[in-house]
Amino acid sequence: MMGGDNSRAGSGRLSARCVILACALLLTACGGHEQSLTYEGGVVRASGWNGPAPAGGWESVLIVRAGDNPAAPAMLGDYRKSGDVIAFTPRFPPSPGVKLHVSFTDESKQTLNSIFGEAADAPAPTTRPARIYPSTDEWPANTLKMYVEFSAPMASGDAYRRIRVLDADGRVVEGPFVEIEPELWDPTGTRLTLLFDPGRIKRGLVDNESSGPPLMPGRTVTIEIDPAMRDAHGAPLAEKLMRTVRVTDAVREPVDVKAWRVTAPKSASDDLVITFPRPLDHALAQRA
């Protein structure tokens, strides 16, 4: 009886010693420190390395990538070690809004991953839709082209979703434009050319017979520029632009130069004024 009790007690003492020994070995392997990753002041710090430098260099155990793509190359920068902390300073600071994906693998091959970075401040909306051409309040039903000018360069790729033609009841006219990719921006990125679908305007075509022209004589339409359209800096427009025009009968007569009225300058500082009997293509008139 007594011998059995001593055996169990000895076994308990042996188990306790094993646990203590295992903890000591674990603390020795880890240096008594746990892994951690921080990012402050433009520096990534990885804590928990206790040993010589790895054969592949610090860049083999502390990897920092910019963006969400795991296949992206690691960022270039400077590595320094102090105590159990490895510090990485990027050669080029990341832009606002860019996330840093950090991976740290210690001597025991345990890996810790973290994501750092703050969202970029939303750019202030300052760009405005400035003008719509033709500039008159009446457009012929066979108008083939319109222009939208903005006060600053714009981003491309979203115009056909953000520029709409509305009928007199406020309903969206479906498919009024030829959706050309890439969009027809001028070199400054401030003037967009929109082509009304000629298949819905020219006579005798199947598209015309099935869906009708986007501009119907005797009716009004409203051109709407959605403020969600983005400028070149990614900011939305500062305001919406809506322009209502009345659609007149189609114009079939060619341009007649003889019908232009020319007013000669009265002095060397005055302008030569040419008055057209009807609106002409705005962009072409500037250079042709």
Protein backbone atom coordinates (compact mmCIF):
# COMPACT_ATOMS: atom_id res chain seq x y z
CA MET A 1 0.00 0.00 0.00
CA MET A 2 2.65 2.43 1.08
CA GLY A 3 4.93 1.40 -1.75
CA GLY A 4 2.17 2.05 -4.26
CA ASP A 5 1.59 5.52 -2.86
CA ASN A 6 5.30 6.34 -3.11
CA SER A 7 5.32 5.17 -6.72
CA ARG A 8 2.43 7.44 -7.62
CA ALA A 9 3.99 10.39 -5.82
CA GLY A 10 7.28 9.82 -7.61
CA SER A 11 5.46 9.67 -10.90
CA GLY A 12 3.73 12.98 -10.13
CA ARG A 13 7.06 14.65 -9.32
CA LEU A 14 8.54 13.28 -12.54
CA SER A 15 5.62 14.64 -14.61
CA ALA A 16 5.97 18.08 -13.04
CA ARG A 17 9.69 18.10 -13.82
CA CYS A 18 8.92 17.17 -17.45
CA VAL A 19 6.48 20.06 -17.82
CA ILE A 20 8.99 22.52 -16.33
CA LEU A 21 11.73 21.19 -18.59
CA ALA A 22 9.49 21.47 -21.68
CA CYS A 23 8.61 25.08 -20.82
CA ALA A 24 12.27 25.88 -20.30
CA LEU A 25 13.19 24.41 -23.67
CA LEU A 26 10.35 26.37 -25.33
CA LEU A 27 11.47 29.61 -23.72
CA THR A 28 15.04 28.92 -24.80
CA ALA A 29 13.95 28.35 -28.39
CA CYS A 30 11.82 31.48 -28.43
CA GLY A 31 14.15 33.61 -26.35
CA GLY A 32 11.30 34.20 -23.94
CA HIS A 33 9.57 36.52 -26.45
CA GLU A 34 6.50 36.08 -28.59
CA GLN A 35 6.20 37.15 -32.22
CA SER A 36 4.69 40.53 -32.97
CA LEU A 37 4.44 42.89 -35.92
CA THR A 38 3.98 46.65 -35.76
CA TYR A 39 4.02 49.52 -38.22
CA GLU A 40 4.70 53.00 -36.94
CA GLY A 41 6.45 56.07 -38.30
CA GLY A 42 6.91 54.43 -41.68
CA VAL A 43 8.86 51.48 -40.18
CA VAL A 44 7.78 47.82 -39.96
CA ARG A 45 9.06 46.05 -36.83
CA ALA A 46 9.07 42.30 -36.24
CA SER A 47 9.79 41.07 -32.69
CA GLY A 48 10.77 37.55 -31.72
CA TRP A 49 14.02 36.71 -33.54
CA ASN A 50 16.69 35.29 -31.23
CA GLY A 51 19.64 33.94 -33.08
CA PRO A 52 22.09 34.64 -35.88
CA ALA A 53 21.05 36.26 -39.11
CA PRO A 54 19.42 33.83 -41.55
CA ALA A 55 21.46 32.57 -44.48
CA GLY A 56 19.09 34.25 -46.94
CA GLY A 57 19.26 37.63 -45.19
CA TRP A 58 16.55 39.43 -43.24
CA GLU A 59 14.53 39.85 -46.43
CA SER A 60 14.00 36.07 -46.41
CA VAL A 61 12.19 36.10 -43.06
CA LEU A 62 10.55 39.56 -43.01
CA ILE A 63 8.74 40.17 -46.29
CA VAL A 64 6.80 43.39 -46.95
CA ARG A 65 4.62 43.78 -50.04
CA ALA A 66 2.57 46.78 -51.18
CA GLY A 67 -0.99 46.04 -52.27
CA ASP A 68 -3.22 42.99 -52.14
CA ASN A 69 -1.47 40.85 -54.75
CA PRO A 70 0.40 37.98 -52.99
CA ALA A 71 2.51 37.53 -56.13
CA ALA A 72 3.78 41.12 -56.03
CA PRO A 73 7.54 41.52 -55.45
CA ALA A 74 8.74 42.46 -52.00
CA MET A 75 9.38 46.12 -51.31
CA LEU A 76 12.94 47.38 -51.37
CA GLY A 77 14.27 48.95 -48.20
CA ASP A 78 16.70 48.89 -45.29
CA TYR A 79 16.79 46.11 -42.65
CA ARG A 80 18.26 46.59 -39.18
CA LYS A 81 18.26 44.34 -36.09
CA SER A 82 18.30 45.47 -32.48
CA GLY A 83 17.86 42.83 -29.78
CA ASP A 84 15.10 40.51 -30.96
CA VAL A 85 13.54 43.20 -33.21
CA ILE A 86 14.03 43.39 -36.99
CA ALA A 87 13.14 46.82 -38.41
CA PHE A 88 12.35 47.41 -42.08
CA THR A 89 12.24 50.92 -43.57
CA PRO A 90 10.87 51.07 -47.15
CA ARG A 91 13.13 52.80 -49.64
CA PHE A 92 10.08 54.60 -51.01
CA PRO A 93 7.24 55.39 -48.57
CA PRO A 94 3.94 53.84 -49.67
CA SER A 95 1.31 56.18 -51.05
CA PRO A 96 -1.69 57.02 -48.86
CA GLY A 97 -4.27 54.26 -49.02
CA VAL A 98 -1.78 51.54 -50.03
CA LYS A 99 -1.93 48.53 -47.72
CA LEU A 100 1.26 46.82 -46.56
CA HIS A 101 1.10 43.03 -46.37
CA VAL A 102 3.78 41.82 -43.93
CA SER A 103 4.94 38.24 -43.31
CA PHE A 104 7.44 37.28 -40.56
CA THR A 105 8.85 33.77 -40.09
CA ASP A 106 10.98 33.12 -37.02
CA GLU A 107 13.67 30.46 -36.36
CA SER A 108 11.06 27.86 -35.47
CA LYS A 109 9.36 28.39 -38.86
CA GLN A 110 6.30 29.94 -37.23
CA THR A 111 4.82 32.59 -39.51
CA LEU A 112 2.89 35.69 -38.52
CA ASN A 113 1.02 37.79 -41.11
CA SER A 114 -0.39 41.29 -40.71
CA ILE A 115 -1.83 44.08 -42.87
CA PHE A 116 -1.02 47.73 -42.16
CA GLY A 117 -1.97 51.06 -43.66
CA GLU A 118 -4.74 53.61 -43.40
CA ALA A 119 -7.30 54.48 -46.00
CA ALA A 120 -6.44 57.53 -48.07
CA ASP A 121 -8.41 60.68 -47.47
CA ALA A 122 -11.10 61.06 -50.08
CA PRO A 123 -10.12 63.81 -52.55
CA ALA A 124 -12.31 66.89 -52.39
CA PRO A 125 -14.74 67.33 -55.28
CA THR A 126 -13.67 70.41 -57.22
CA THR A 127 -14.19 69.49 -60.89
CA ARG A 128 -17.39 70.66 -62.53
CA PRO A 129 -19.15 69.82 -65.77
CA ALA A 130 -18.71 73.15 -67.52
CA ARG A 131 -20.58 73.06 -70.86
CA ILE A 132 -22.61 70.91 -73.18
CA TYR A 133 -22.49 71.45 -76.93
CA PRO A 134 -24.47 72.17 -79.09
CA SER A 135 -24.94 75.27 -76.96
CA THR A 136 -28.42 76.15 -78.27
CA ASP A 137 -31.70 75.17 -76.61
CA GLU A 138 -32.94 73.50 -79.81
CA TRP A 139 -31.29 70.46 -81.39
CA PRO A 140 -32.25 68.92 -84.73
CA ALA A 141 -33.54 65.36 -84.50
CA ASN A 142 -30.61 64.13 -86.59
CA THR A 143 -27.91 65.58 -84.31
CA LEU A 144 -25.09 63.06 -84.51
CA LYS A 145 -22.64 64.40 -81.98
CA MET A 146 -22.49 66.23 -78.66
CA TYR A 147 -19.62 67.38 -76.45
CA VAL A 148 -19.28 67.68 -72.69
CA GLU A 149 -16.53 69.92 -71.31
CA PHE A 150 -15.23 69.72 -67.73
CA SER A 151 -13.28 72.22 -65.67
CA ALA A 152 -10.38 69.77 -65.07
CA PRO A 153 -9.08 66.48 -66.50
CA MET A 154 -11.35 63.50 -66.00
CA ALA A 155 -10.93 59.75 -65.50
CA SER A 156 -12.09 57.58 -68.39
CA GLY A 157 -14.14 54.41 -68.51
CA ASP A 158 -17.43 55.40 -66.86
CA ALA A 159 -18.93 58.05 -69.14
CA TYR A 160 -21.64 55.95 -70.77
CA ARG A 161 -23.01 55.00 -67.36
CA ARG A 162 -22.84 58.51 -65.90
CA ILE A 163 -24.10 60.62 -68.82
CA ARG A 164 -27.76 59.99 -69.50
CA VAL A 165 -30.48 61.22 -71.83
CA LEU A 166 -33.88 61.55 -70.14
CA ASP A 167 -37.22 61.90 -71.88
CA ALA A 168 -39.89 64.47 -70.95
CA ASP A 169 -41.13 62.17 -68.15
CA GLY A 170 -37.67 61.75 -66.65
CA ARG A 171 -37.20 58.21 -67.95
CA VAL A 172 -33.79 57.14 -69.22
CA VAL A 173 -33.53 56.80 -73.00
CA GLU A 174 -31.81 53.46 -73.49
CA GLY A 175 -28.72 53.20 -75.69
CA PRO A 176 -28.62 56.72 -77.17
CA PHE A 177 -24.86 56.69 -77.80
CA VAL A 178 -22.38 54.56 -79.70
CA GLU A 179 -20.34 53.19 -76.78
CA ILE A 180 -16.82 53.41 -78.15
CA GLU A 181 -13.88 52.06 -76.15
CA PRO A 182 -11.71 53.84 -75.31
CA GLU A 183 -13.93 56.86 -74.79
CA LEU A 184 -13.37 59.85 -77.05
CA TRP A 185 -11.51 62.30 -74.80
CA ASP A 186 -9.41 65.13 -76.16
CA PRO A 187 -5.67 65.21 -75.28
CA THR A 188 -6.33 67.37 -72.19
CA GLY A 189 -8.88 64.94 -70.78
CA THR A 190 -11.40 67.76 -70.34
CA ARG A 191 -13.64 67.36 -73.41
CA LEU A 192 -15.62 64.22 -74.16
CA THR A 193 -17.17 63.50 -77.55
CA LEU A 194 -20.41 61.49 -77.52
CA LEU A 195 -21.83 60.09 -80.75
CA PHE A 196 -25.55 59.50 -80.99
CA ASP A 197 -26.19 56.05 -82.46
CA PRO A 198 -26.42 56.69 -86.22
CA GLY A 199 -28.30 53.43 -86.61
CA ARG A 200 -31.19 55.05 -84.75
CA ILE A 201 -31.03 58.31 -86.68
CA LYS A 202 -30.30 57.60 -90.35
CA ARG A 203 -33.33 56.70 -92.41
CA GLY A 204 -34.01 53.21 -93.71
CA LEU A 205 -31.90 51.31 -91.18
CA VAL A 206 -33.18 48.37 -89.11
CA ASP A 207 -32.14 49.91 -85.79
CA ASN A 208 -34.14 53.02 -86.57
CA GLU A 209 -37.27 51.04 -87.39
CA SER A 210 -37.05 48.90 -84.24
CA SER A 211 -36.12 51.39 -81.52
CA GLY A 212 -36.63 54.83 -82.99
CA PRO A 213 -34.31 57.82 -82.78
CA PRO A 214 -33.09 59.00 -79.36
CA LEU A 215 -34.12 62.56 -80.28
CA MET A 216 -37.77 62.77 -81.34
CA PRO A 217 -38.98 65.95 -83.10
CA GLY A 218 -41.40 68.04 -81.07
CA ARG A 219 -40.28 66.57 -77.74
CA THR A 220 -37.84 67.66 -75.06
CA VAL A 221 -34.92 65.70 -73.65
CA THR A 222 -32.66 66.38 -70.70
CA ILE A 223 -28.95 65.65 -70.73
CA GLU A 224 -27.87 64.68 -67.20
CA ILE A 225 -24.26 64.51 -65.97
CA ASP A 226 -24.15 62.34 -62.84
CA PRO A 227 -21.92 63.83 -60.11
CA ALA A 228 -20.67 60.29 -59.34
CA MET A 229 -18.51 60.61 -62.45
CA ARG A 230 -14.85 60.77 -61.34
CA ASP A 231 -12.12 63.22 -62.25
CA ALA A 232 -8.48 62.30 -62.87
CA HIS A 233 -7.77 62.34 -59.11
CA GLY A 234 -10.62 59.97 -58.33
CA ALA A 235 -12.88 62.63 -56.83
CA PRO A 236 -16.56 62.88 -57.75
CA LEU A 237 -17.86 65.96 -59.51
CA ALA A 238 -18.67 68.97 -57.39
CA GLU A 239 -22.15 69.23 -58.87
CA LYS A 240 -24.66 67.71 -61.23
CA LEU A 241 -25.34 69.31 -64.60
CA MET A 242 -28.73 69.03 -66.29
CA ARG A 243 -29.56 70.63 -69.60
CA THR A 244 -32.99 70.46 -71.25
CA VAL A 245 -33.31 70.97 -75.01
CA ARG A 246 -36.21 70.92 -77.43
CA VAL A 247 -35.88 68.64 -80.42
CA THR A 248 -36.75 70.16 -83.79
CA ASP A 249 -37.20 68.61 -87.20
CA ALA A 250 -34.14 67.04 -88.77
CA VAL A 251 -31.91 69.33 -90.84
CA ARG A 252 -31.17 67.84 -94.26
CA GLU A 253 -29.60 70.81 -96.07
CA PRO A 254 -25.80 70.93 -96.31
CA VAL A 255 -23.78 73.76 -94.82
CA ASP A 256 -24.00 76.79 -97.12
CA VAL A 257 -21.08 79.18 -96.71
CA LYS A 258 -22.98 81.84 -98.67
CA ALA A 259 -25.53 82.02 -95.85
CA TRP A 260 -22.89 83.03 -93.30
CA ARG A 261 -22.98 86.67 -92.20
CA VAL A 262 -19.54 88.27 -91.87
CA THR A 263 -19.03 91.39 -89.81
CA ALA A 264 -15.70 93.02 -90.56
CA PRO A 265 -13.66 94.57 -87.73
CA LYS A 266 -13.95 98.33 -87.44
CA SER A 267 -10.49 98.69 -85.95
CA ALA A 268 -7.33 96.66 -85.61
CA SER A 269 -8.33 95.53 -82.10
CA ASP A 270 -11.86 94.38 -83.05
CA ASP A 271 -12.78 90.80 -83.90
CA LEU A 272 -13.88 89.43 -87.23
CA VAL A 273 -17.36 88.08 -86.45
CA ILE A 274 -18.96 85.27 -88.45
CA THR A 275 -22.59 84.45 -87.67
CA PHE A 276 -23.89 81.07 -88.76
CA PRO A 277 -27.55 80.55 -89.57
CA ARG A 278 -27.56 77.36 -87.48
CA PRO A 279 -25.28 75.70 -84.89
CA LEU A 280 -22.20 74.00 -86.27
CA ASP A 281 -19.98 71.31 -84.79
CA HIS A 282 -18.26 73.03 -81.86
CA ALA A 283 -14.91 71.24 -81.97
CA LEU A 284 -14.62 71.27 -85.75
CA ALA A 285 -15.45 74.98 -85.87
CA GLN A 286 -12.46 75.69 -83.61
CA ARG A 287 -9.93 74.26 -86.04
CA ALA A 288 -11.58 73.85 -89.47
